[in-house]
Amino acid sequence: MPNPPLTICGVSIKPGSTENLEIELPKLYNLPASISVQVIRGRRKGPVLFISAALHGDELNGIEIIRRLKRLAILRKLRGTLILVPVVNVYGLNTLSRYLPDRRDLNRSFPGSPKGSLAARIAKLFFDEIVRKSDYGIDLHTGAIHRSNLPQIRTNINNDATLRLAKAFEAPVILHSELRDGSLRAVAQEEGVPILLYEAGEALRFDEMSIKIGVKGVVNVLKALEMLPSNVKRRYRNPLIFKQSSWLRAPESGMLRTVRALGDTVKKGDVIAFIDEPLGERSFELRSAFDGVIIGKSQIPLVQEGDAVFHIARSDNLEAAEERIGYFQEDALERSDIHGLHEEFPIE
């Protein structure tokens, strides 16, 4: 009995023949191979501030922060210029990857080169067209894959200008962060463009509290730079400032069972988690090496020996730290409207 005809993608393939086919897949978010930029210019003169997101393609919170920000009616009162870049690494976003197709980290490729790698060429374009034409910048990030960060601003706390803006942002935590070679923040500082780095939430996930704090934080910075009118009656929230932090690593491999969460204060020797043998009976304790606040943690239960599990910022006053963190978390939860800032800043 002969083989019957077979139809794939509208092509009838006869018995005994060979066809080369292409199966068309859905478009990936309809993203073209270009960086989309929105420039908002006020009528009156003022600073130029850029806000960028998705420098790492799998870090999505910043995209939503910018989407909500540009819908706020208060931007009609803008002085100066606001440059919004929701997705810098469009290639990484298309593949849900932190990196570019050449496996390079865009945030280690600045200032870039027009004749270099793909990462170097993108870095060069972004730096020349956006960063060098700005007076300030806010770069929006999340934790890496399977890691979540408590909302925090990372900056050089020894720089008075960036520390002032970091406090104005009003994230729960300000963490002193040294500059890294090839990073956007390091090269921009050399060019005289101070940048705040906002870290909040987890890669490939939306975190509502992180998004709300991020939108409000950007508005706060715009007010501090006198790019938006300031409400002198509003409450000010003093962030916790930490000079040192370190990652607590897994002493054994196994299944991670956490007993402490982001934002929790811990004392030296406190049990933070257990690492259980998946097929055995043994369980290992993971204890804090010093007093501090958990500002980052692994979100995946599988850990290998040596994996970074908890990021802890050192603190000499746990009682004050706990009170301050609780205040920020309660304040974020109180903003229960759809866009987080609806009542204070109406949407257009």
Protein backbone atom coordinates (compact mmCIF):
# COMPACT_ATOMS: atom_id res chain seq x y z
CA MET A 1 0.00 0.00 0.00
CA PRO A 2 1.61 3.35 -1.03
CA ASN A 3 2.28 6.18 1.42
CA PRO A 4 -0.52 8.77 1.38
CA PRO A 5 0.33 12.48 0.76
CA LEU A 6 1.39 14.51 3.80
CA THR A 7 0.66 18.26 4.14
CA ILE A 8 2.83 20.45 6.38
CA CYS A 9 2.57 24.27 6.36
CA GLY A 10 0.32 24.13 3.36
CA VAL A 11 2.86 22.18 1.30
CA SER A 12 1.83 18.75 0.06
CA ILE A 13 4.76 16.38 0.28
CA LYS A 14 4.43 13.49 -2.12
CA PRO A 15 5.75 10.02 -1.37
CA GLY A 16 9.36 9.63 -2.49
CA SER A 17 10.09 13.41 -2.56
CA THR A 18 12.18 15.78 -0.39
CA GLU A 19 11.14 19.33 0.57
CA ASN A 20 12.96 21.99 2.59
CA LEU A 21 10.43 23.79 4.83
CA GLU A 22 10.47 26.71 7.21
CA ILE A 23 7.92 26.84 9.99
CA GLU A 24 7.10 30.43 10.78
CA LEU A 25 7.00 31.12 14.53
CA PRO A 26 5.22 33.97 16.37
CA LYS A 27 7.09 37.25 16.46
CA LEU A 28 9.03 37.87 19.67
CA TYR A 29 7.13 40.79 21.24
CA ASN A 30 7.24 42.59 17.84
CA LEU A 31 10.61 44.07 18.81
CA PRO A 32 12.72 45.35 15.90
CA ALA A 33 16.50 45.30 16.00
CA SER A 34 16.72 48.89 17.23
CA ILE A 35 16.70 50.74 20.49
CA SER A 36 13.47 52.68 21.06
CA VAL A 37 13.92 56.04 22.69
CA GLN A 38 11.33 58.55 23.90
CA VAL A 39 12.49 62.11 24.54
CA ILE A 40 10.29 64.41 26.64
CA ARG A 41 11.35 68.05 26.64
CA GLY A 42 9.87 70.69 28.90
CA ARG A 43 9.25 74.25 27.79
CA ARG A 44 11.72 75.62 30.31
CA LYS A 45 15.43 74.93 30.52
CA GLY A 46 16.70 72.32 32.96
CA PRO A 47 18.94 69.26 33.30
CA VAL A 48 18.95 66.32 30.91
CA LEU A 49 18.22 63.03 32.68
CA PHE A 50 18.19 59.63 30.99
CA ILE A 51 16.48 56.56 32.43
CA SER A 52 17.49 53.19 31.00
CA ALA A 53 16.25 49.66 31.59
CA ALA A 54 16.97 46.12 30.37
CA LEU A 55 20.69 46.69 29.93
CA HIS A 56 20.53 43.04 30.87
CA GLY A 57 17.84 41.57 28.65
CA ASP A 58 16.13 39.44 31.31
CA GLU A 59 15.64 42.29 33.81
CA LEU A 60 12.04 43.39 33.25
CA ASN A 61 10.97 45.56 36.21
CA GLY A 62 12.61 48.65 34.72
CA ILE A 63 10.62 48.34 31.50
CA GLU A 64 7.39 48.52 33.50
CA ILE A 65 8.71 51.38 35.64
CA ILE A 66 9.36 53.46 32.51
CA ARG A 67 5.99 52.47 30.97
CA ARG A 68 4.14 53.71 34.05
CA LEU A 69 6.32 56.77 34.48
CA LYS A 70 5.70 58.18 31.00
CA ARG A 71 1.93 58.04 31.56
CA LEU A 72 2.01 60.35 34.59
CA ALA A 73 0.30 63.69 34.03
CA ILE A 74 2.87 65.45 36.22
CA LEU A 75 5.39 65.17 33.37
CA ARG A 76 3.49 68.01 31.67
CA LYS A 77 5.21 70.26 34.22
CA LEU A 78 8.68 69.01 33.30
CA ARG A 79 11.62 71.38 33.14
CA GLY A 80 14.61 70.24 31.12
CA THR A 81 14.71 66.97 29.23
CA LEU A 82 13.84 63.38 30.12
CA ILE A 83 15.22 60.60 27.89
CA LEU A 84 13.49 57.23 28.35
CA VAL A 85 15.11 54.04 27.06
CA PRO A 86 12.92 51.09 28.17
CA VAL A 87 14.98 48.36 26.46
CA VAL A 88 18.69 48.77 25.76
CA ASN A 89 19.52 45.10 25.17
CA VAL A 90 16.77 44.23 22.68
CA TYR A 91 18.61 41.09 21.64
CA GLY A 92 18.69 39.74 25.19
CA LEU A 93 15.02 40.57 25.73
CA ASN A 94 14.09 38.60 22.62
CA THR A 95 15.81 35.49 24.00
CA LEU A 96 15.04 36.13 27.71
CA SER A 97 18.77 36.32 28.32
CA ARG A 98 20.94 38.58 30.44
CA TYR A 99 23.54 38.61 27.69
CA LEU A 100 23.88 39.49 24.04
CA PRO A 101 24.01 36.83 21.30
CA ASP A 102 27.82 36.90 21.50
CA ARG A 103 27.52 35.97 25.22
CA ARG A 104 29.01 39.29 26.29
CA ASP A 105 27.68 41.40 29.15
CA LEU A 106 26.67 44.80 27.79
CA ASN A 107 27.29 46.32 31.22
CA ARG A 108 30.98 45.39 30.99
CA SER A 109 31.42 46.72 27.45
CA PHE A 110 31.45 50.51 27.88
CA PRO A 111 32.47 52.92 26.43
CA GLY A 112 32.44 50.57 23.44
CA SER A 113 33.92 50.77 19.98
CA PRO A 114 32.41 51.16 16.48
CA LYS A 115 34.72 48.41 15.21
CA GLY A 116 34.52 46.02 18.16
CA SER A 117 32.21 43.17 19.11
CA LEU A 118 28.42 43.40 18.93
CA ALA A 119 28.41 44.40 22.62
CA ALA A 120 31.06 47.07 22.02
CA ARG A 121 29.15 48.53 19.07
CA ILE A 122 25.85 48.75 21.00
CA ALA A 123 27.65 50.25 24.01
CA LYS A 124 29.30 52.85 21.77
CA LEU A 125 26.00 53.86 20.15
CA PHE A 126 24.14 54.09 23.46
CA PHE A 127 26.93 55.97 25.20
CA ASP A 128 27.42 58.50 22.41
CA GLU A 129 23.76 59.12 21.60
CA ILE A 130 22.27 59.04 25.11
CA VAL A 131 24.76 59.17 27.98
CA ARG A 132 27.11 61.85 26.65
CA LYS A 133 24.12 64.09 25.93
CA SER A 134 22.81 63.80 29.51
CA ASP A 135 23.64 65.47 32.80
CA TYR A 136 22.40 62.60 35.00
CA GLY A 137 21.20 59.05 34.62
CA ILE A 138 19.18 56.36 36.41
CA ASP A 139 19.89 52.78 35.33
CA LEU A 140 17.18 50.28 36.33
CA HIS A 141 18.14 46.69 37.19
CA THR A 142 16.93 43.56 39.01
CA GLY A 143 18.71 40.65 40.60
CA ALA A 144 20.19 38.01 38.32
CA ILE A 145 18.32 34.88 37.29
CA HIS A 146 16.90 33.04 40.34
CA ARG A 147 18.00 35.87 42.68
CA SER A 148 15.85 38.63 44.14
CA ASN A 149 16.98 41.98 45.53
CA LEU A 150 15.35 44.17 48.14
CA PRO A 151 14.76 47.58 46.45
CA GLN A 152 18.06 49.43 46.78
CA ILE A 153 20.12 52.20 45.25
CA ARG A 154 23.75 51.39 44.58
CA THR A 155 26.12 54.32 44.35
CA ASN A 156 29.33 55.79 45.68
CA ILE A 157 28.26 57.18 49.05
CA ASN A 158 31.50 59.19 49.22
CA ASN A 159 30.27 61.32 46.31
CA ASP A 160 28.06 64.07 47.76
CA ALA A 161 26.14 64.64 44.51
CA THR A 162 25.14 61.03 43.96
CA LEU A 163 24.45 60.47 47.66
CA ARG A 164 22.02 63.41 47.66
CA LEU A 165 20.11 61.96 44.72
CA ALA A 166 20.26 58.46 46.21
CA LYS A 167 18.60 59.73 49.39
CA ALA A 168 16.03 61.62 47.33
CA PHE A 169 15.06 58.41 45.48
CA GLU A 170 13.92 56.94 48.82
CA ALA A 171 14.47 53.25 48.20
CA PRO A 172 14.63 51.35 51.51
CA VAL A 173 18.39 50.79 51.16
CA ILE A 174 21.40 52.68 49.83
CA LEU A 175 24.39 50.39 49.33
CA HIS A 176 27.90 51.67 48.74
CA SER A 177 29.10 50.11 45.50
CA GLU A 178 32.56 50.37 43.99
CA LEU A 179 32.80 51.05 40.27
CA ARG A 180 33.49 48.12 37.94
CA ASP A 181 35.63 48.38 34.84
CA GLY A 182 33.56 48.61 31.67
CA SER A 183 30.28 49.28 33.50
CA LEU A 184 27.96 52.05 32.37
CA ARG A 185 28.16 53.72 35.78
CA ALA A 186 31.98 53.72 35.87
CA VAL A 187 32.51 55.12 32.38
CA ALA A 188 29.71 57.67 32.77
CA GLN A 189 31.29 58.99 35.97
CA GLU A 190 34.58 59.47 34.11
CA GLU A 191 32.62 61.58 31.62
CA GLY A 192 31.05 63.63 34.41
CA VAL A 193 27.59 62.04 34.22
CA PRO A 194 26.58 60.70 37.67
CA ILE A 195 24.33 57.64 37.56
CA LEU A 196 22.13 55.98 40.18
CA LEU A 197 21.77 52.20 39.89
CA TYR A 198 18.38 50.91 41.10
CA GLU A 199 18.36 47.19 41.93
CA ALA A 200 15.02 45.60 42.82
CA GLY A 201 13.27 42.29 42.32
CA GLU A 202 14.22 39.28 40.23
CA ALA A 203 15.07 38.63 36.58
CA LEU A 204 12.16 37.54 34.33
CA ARG A 205 9.60 38.57 36.96
CA PHE A 206 7.50 41.62 37.79
CA ASP A 207 7.62 42.65 41.45
CA GLU A 208 4.86 45.16 42.24
CA MET A 209 6.50 46.69 45.30
CA SER A 210 9.79 47.16 43.43
CA ILE A 211 7.97 48.78 40.51
CA LYS A 212 6.00 51.18 42.73
CA ILE A 213 9.10 52.23 44.66
CA GLY A 214 10.94 52.66 41.35
CA VAL A 215 8.33 54.93 39.77
CA LYS A 216 8.05 57.07 42.89
CA GLY A 217 11.84 57.12 43.20
CA VAL A 218 12.32 58.51 39.70
CA VAL A 219 9.72 61.20 40.39
CA ASN A 220 11.53 62.05 43.64
CA VAL A 221 14.84 62.46 41.78
CA LEU A 222 13.17 64.69 39.17
CA LYS A 223 11.93 66.87 42.02
CA ALA A 224 15.36 66.94 43.67
CA LEU A 225 16.84 68.15 40.38
CA GLU A 226 14.05 70.79 40.16
CA MET A 227 12.81 69.23 36.93
CA LEU A 228 9.38 68.81 38.54
CA PRO A 229 7.63 70.99 41.15
CA SER A 230 8.14 69.74 44.69
CA ASN A 231 5.51 69.36 47.38
CA VAL A 232 7.07 70.86 50.51
CA LYS A 233 4.48 69.18 52.75
CA ARG A 234 5.23 65.59 51.79
CA ARG A 235 6.84 63.10 54.17
CA TYR A 236 10.51 62.28 53.75
CA ARG A 237 11.75 58.73 54.28
CA ASN A 238 15.37 58.25 55.27
CA PRO A 239 16.85 55.14 53.64
CA LEU A 240 19.22 52.81 55.42
CA ILE A 241 22.80 53.40 54.25
CA PHE A 242 25.18 50.45 54.26
CA LYS A 243 28.89 50.62 53.56
CA GLN A 244 29.59 46.89 53.48
CA SER A 245 27.83 43.74 52.38
CA SER A 246 28.74 40.18 51.44
CA TRP A 247 27.15 37.01 50.09
CA LEU A 248 26.66 34.02 52.37
CA ARG A 249 27.53 30.85 50.44
CA ALA A 250 26.18 27.33 50.74
CA PRO A 251 28.48 25.05 52.77
CA GLU A 252 26.89 21.95 51.23
CA SER A 253 24.85 20.95 48.19
CA GLY A 254 21.17 20.08 48.46
CA MET A 255 17.67 21.56 48.76
CA LEU A 256 17.46 25.05 50.25
CA ARG A 257 14.75 25.61 52.86
CA THR A 258 14.77 29.28 53.86
CA VAL A 259 13.42 30.59 57.16
CA ARG A 260 14.29 34.28 56.65
CA ALA A 261 13.08 36.65 53.91
CA LEU A 262 14.25 39.76 52.10
CA GLY A 263 14.31 42.74 54.44
CA ASP A 264 14.68 40.62 57.59
CA THR A 265 17.28 41.62 60.15
CA VAL A 266 19.59 38.85 61.36
CA LYS A 267 22.06 38.56 64.19
CA LYS A 268 25.41 36.81 63.99
CA GLY A 269 24.79 33.09 64.37
CA ASP A 270 21.08 33.21 63.49
CA VAL A 271 19.86 30.30 61.36
CA ILE A 272 18.76 31.74 58.01
CA ALA A 273 18.08 28.52 56.13
CA PHE A 274 18.56 24.76 56.06
CA ILE A 275 20.14 22.75 53.28
CA ASP A 276 18.59 19.26 53.18
CA GLU A 277 19.86 16.18 51.42
CA PRO A 278 17.28 15.45 48.71
CA LEU A 279 17.59 11.66 49.09
CA GLY A 280 18.93 11.42 52.61
CA GLU A 281 18.12 12.45 56.16
CA ARG A 282 20.87 14.97 56.91
CA SER A 283 20.18 18.70 57.16
CA PHE A 284 22.76 21.48 57.37
CA GLU A 285 22.25 24.85 59.04
CA LEU A 286 23.11 28.08 57.24
CA ARG A 287 23.92 30.79 59.80
CA SER A 288 24.58 34.50 59.45
CA ALA A 289 28.24 35.45 59.83
CA PHE A 290 27.43 38.93 61.21
CA ASP A 291 24.60 41.29 62.20
CA GLY A 292 22.80 42.75 59.23
CA VAL A 293 19.85 43.00 56.85
CA ILE A 294 19.05 40.53 54.07
CA ILE A 295 19.08 42.58 50.87
CA GLY A 296 19.33 39.74 48.34
CA LYS A 297 18.62 36.01 48.22
CA SER A 298 18.52 32.99 45.97
CA GLN A 299 15.03 32.09 44.75
CA ILE A 300 15.78 28.55 43.57
CA PRO A 301 15.67 25.70 46.11
CA LEU A 302 18.50 23.73 44.46
CA VAL A 303 21.96 24.81 45.60
CA GLN A 304 25.47 23.56 45.03
CA GLU A 305 28.28 23.91 47.54
CA GLY A 306 29.71 27.42 47.19
CA ASP A 307 26.60 28.97 45.64
CA ALA A 308 25.79 32.52 46.79
CA VAL A 309 22.54 32.20 48.75
CA PHE A 310 21.96 35.32 50.87
CA HIS A 311 23.27 38.87 50.36
CA ILE A 312 23.57 40.53 53.77
CA ALA A 313 24.38 44.19 54.46
CA ARG A 314 26.25 44.79 57.71
CA SER A 315 24.41 46.81 60.35
CA ASP A 316 25.44 48.03 63.81
CA ASN A 317 21.89 48.93 64.84
CA LEU A 318 19.45 46.12 64.03
CA GLU A 319 16.56 47.66 65.94
CA ALA A 320 16.68 50.87 63.89
CA ALA A 321 17.19 48.89 60.68
CA GLU A 322 14.16 46.69 61.33
CA GLU A 323 11.97 49.70 62.09
CA ARG A 324 13.10 51.53 58.94
CA ILE A 325 12.64 48.53 56.61
CA GLY A 326 9.18 47.88 58.05
CA TYR A 327 8.21 51.50 57.47
CA PHE A 328 9.13 51.33 53.78
CA GLN A 329 7.33 48.02 53.24
CA GLU A 330 4.14 49.24 54.91
CA ASP A 331 4.25 52.46 52.91
CA ALA A 332 4.57 50.53 49.63
CA LEU A 333 1.65 48.27 50.52
CA GLU A 334 -0.53 51.28 51.32
CA ARG A 335 -0.20 52.36 47.70
CA SER A 336 -2.76 49.78 46.60
CA ASP A 337 -4.10 51.61 43.52
CA ILE A 338 -3.49 50.11 40.11
CA HIS A 339 -0.41 52.09 39.16
CA GLY A 340 1.02 52.79 42.59
CA LEU A 341 1.00 56.55 42.17
CA HIS A 342 -2.53 57.11 40.93
CA GLU A 343 -3.72 59.29 43.78
CA GLU A 344 -0.59 61.43 44.08
CA PHE A 345 0.19 61.63 40.35
CA PRO A 346 -2.83 61.14 38.02
CA ILE A 347 -2.35 59.21 34.80
CA GLU A 348 -2.91 60.90 31.47
